[in-house]
Amino acid sequence: MGATINVVTSTYGGVNVLGPQVTVNPHLPQRWRELRFALDVRGVRLAFRITHHLVHVRADRATTIQVCGQDVSLTAAVVQTIDY
């Protein structure tokens, strides 16, 4: 089941955790309204809600991620919304 979840988050959510920085490049299927999931990456819990035009993300600790090539600084426990 873990592999299935990884396929969904990496393929449709576009989340890549393998590089030095978490990157997000969403490819949500047209029929889906949104995708919600949470990941623990390098000691930081990231909670995502991805729609066709927005990425909402909350981290439990301050960190920086990249959304569609744009660096996004996250403050702990604050939802950041990024238009893409």
Protein backbone atom coordinates (compact mmCIF):
# COMPACT_ATOMS: atom_id res chain seq x y z
CA MET A 1 0.00 0.00 0.00
CA GLY A 2 2.88 2.39 0.70
CA ALA A 3 3.99 2.14 -2.92
CA THR A 4 0.48 3.03 -4.11
CA ILE A 5 0.41 6.12 -1.92
CA ASN A 6 3.86 7.09 -3.21
CA VAL A 7 2.65 6.82 -6.81
CA VAL A 8 -0.30 9.12 -6.08
CA THR A 9 1.70 11.73 -4.17
CA SER A 10 4.62 11.78 -6.61
CA THR A 11 2.74 11.40 -9.89
CA TYR A 12 -0.45 13.40 -9.31
CA GLY A 13 0.66 15.55 -6.40
CA GLY A 14 4.02 16.05 -8.09
CA VAL A 15 5.90 15.85 -4.79
CA ASN A 16 9.55 14.83 -4.98
CA VAL A 17 11.40 14.30 -1.69
CA LEU A 18 14.58 12.77 -3.11
CA GLY A 19 16.57 15.96 -3.75
CA PRO A 20 18.04 18.41 -1.25
CA GLN A 21 14.72 20.31 -1.18
CA VAL A 22 11.13 19.06 -1.39
CA THR A 23 9.70 20.03 -4.78
CA VAL A 24 6.06 20.14 -5.86
CA ASN A 25 4.90 20.15 -9.50
CA PRO A 26 1.24 19.01 -9.48
CA HIS A 27 -0.41 17.02 -12.28
CA LEU A 28 -3.89 16.50 -10.86
CA PRO A 29 -6.19 14.44 -13.12
CA GLN A 30 -8.92 16.62 -14.67
CA ARG A 31 -11.75 14.72 -12.96
CA TRP A 32 -10.25 15.10 -9.48
CA ARG A 33 -11.19 18.18 -7.48
CA GLU A 34 -8.32 17.95 -5.02
CA LEU A 35 -5.74 15.71 -3.44
CA ARG A 36 -4.96 15.73 0.29
CA PHE A 37 -2.09 13.95 1.99
CA ALA A 38 0.63 14.40 4.59
CA LEU A 39 4.26 13.32 4.52
CA ASP A 40 7.09 13.21 7.03
CA VAL A 41 10.24 14.42 5.31
CA ARG A 42 13.55 14.85 7.13
CA GLY A 43 11.82 15.40 10.45
CA VAL A 44 9.22 17.85 9.10
CA ARG A 45 5.54 16.95 8.78
CA LEU A 46 4.10 18.48 5.59
CA ALA A 47 0.33 18.48 5.02
CA PHE A 48 -0.82 19.20 1.46
CA ARG A 49 -4.11 20.07 -0.21
CA ILE A 50 -3.66 20.40 -3.95
CA THR A 51 -6.30 21.65 -6.41
CA HIS A 52 -6.03 22.46 -10.11
CA HIS A 53 -4.67 25.95 -9.42
CA LEU A 54 -3.55 26.06 -5.79
CA VAL A 55 -1.21 24.23 -3.44
CA HIS A 56 -2.02 24.61 0.26
CA VAL A 57 0.74 23.35 2.52
CA ARG A 58 1.38 23.40 6.25
CA ALA A 59 4.58 22.36 8.01
CA ASP A 60 5.01 21.59 11.69
CA ARG A 61 8.45 23.30 11.60
CA ALA A 62 9.85 26.18 9.56
CA THR A 63 11.26 24.96 6.25
CA THR A 64 11.53 25.88 2.58
CA ILE A 65 10.06 23.91 -0.32
CA GLN A 66 9.82 24.60 -4.03
CA VAL A 67 6.46 24.79 -5.84
CA CYS A 68 6.62 24.90 -9.65
CA GLY A 69 10.12 26.37 -9.51
CA GLN A 70 9.25 29.00 -6.87
CA ASP A 71 10.92 28.83 -3.45
CA VAL A 72 8.32 28.97 -0.67
CA SER A 73 9.30 29.60 2.95
CA LEU A 74 6.96 27.88 5.37
CA THR A 75 6.36 29.05 8.92
CA ALA A 76 5.50 26.39 11.50
CA ALA A 77 1.76 25.65 11.80
CA VAL A 78 0.74 28.27 9.19
CA VAL A 79 -1.01 27.22 5.97
CA GLN A 80 0.70 28.74 2.95
CA THR A 81 -1.28 28.95 -0.31
CA ILE A 82 0.59 29.03 -3.60
CA ASP A 83 -1.05 29.75 -6.95
CA TYR A 84 0.50 27.74 -9.80
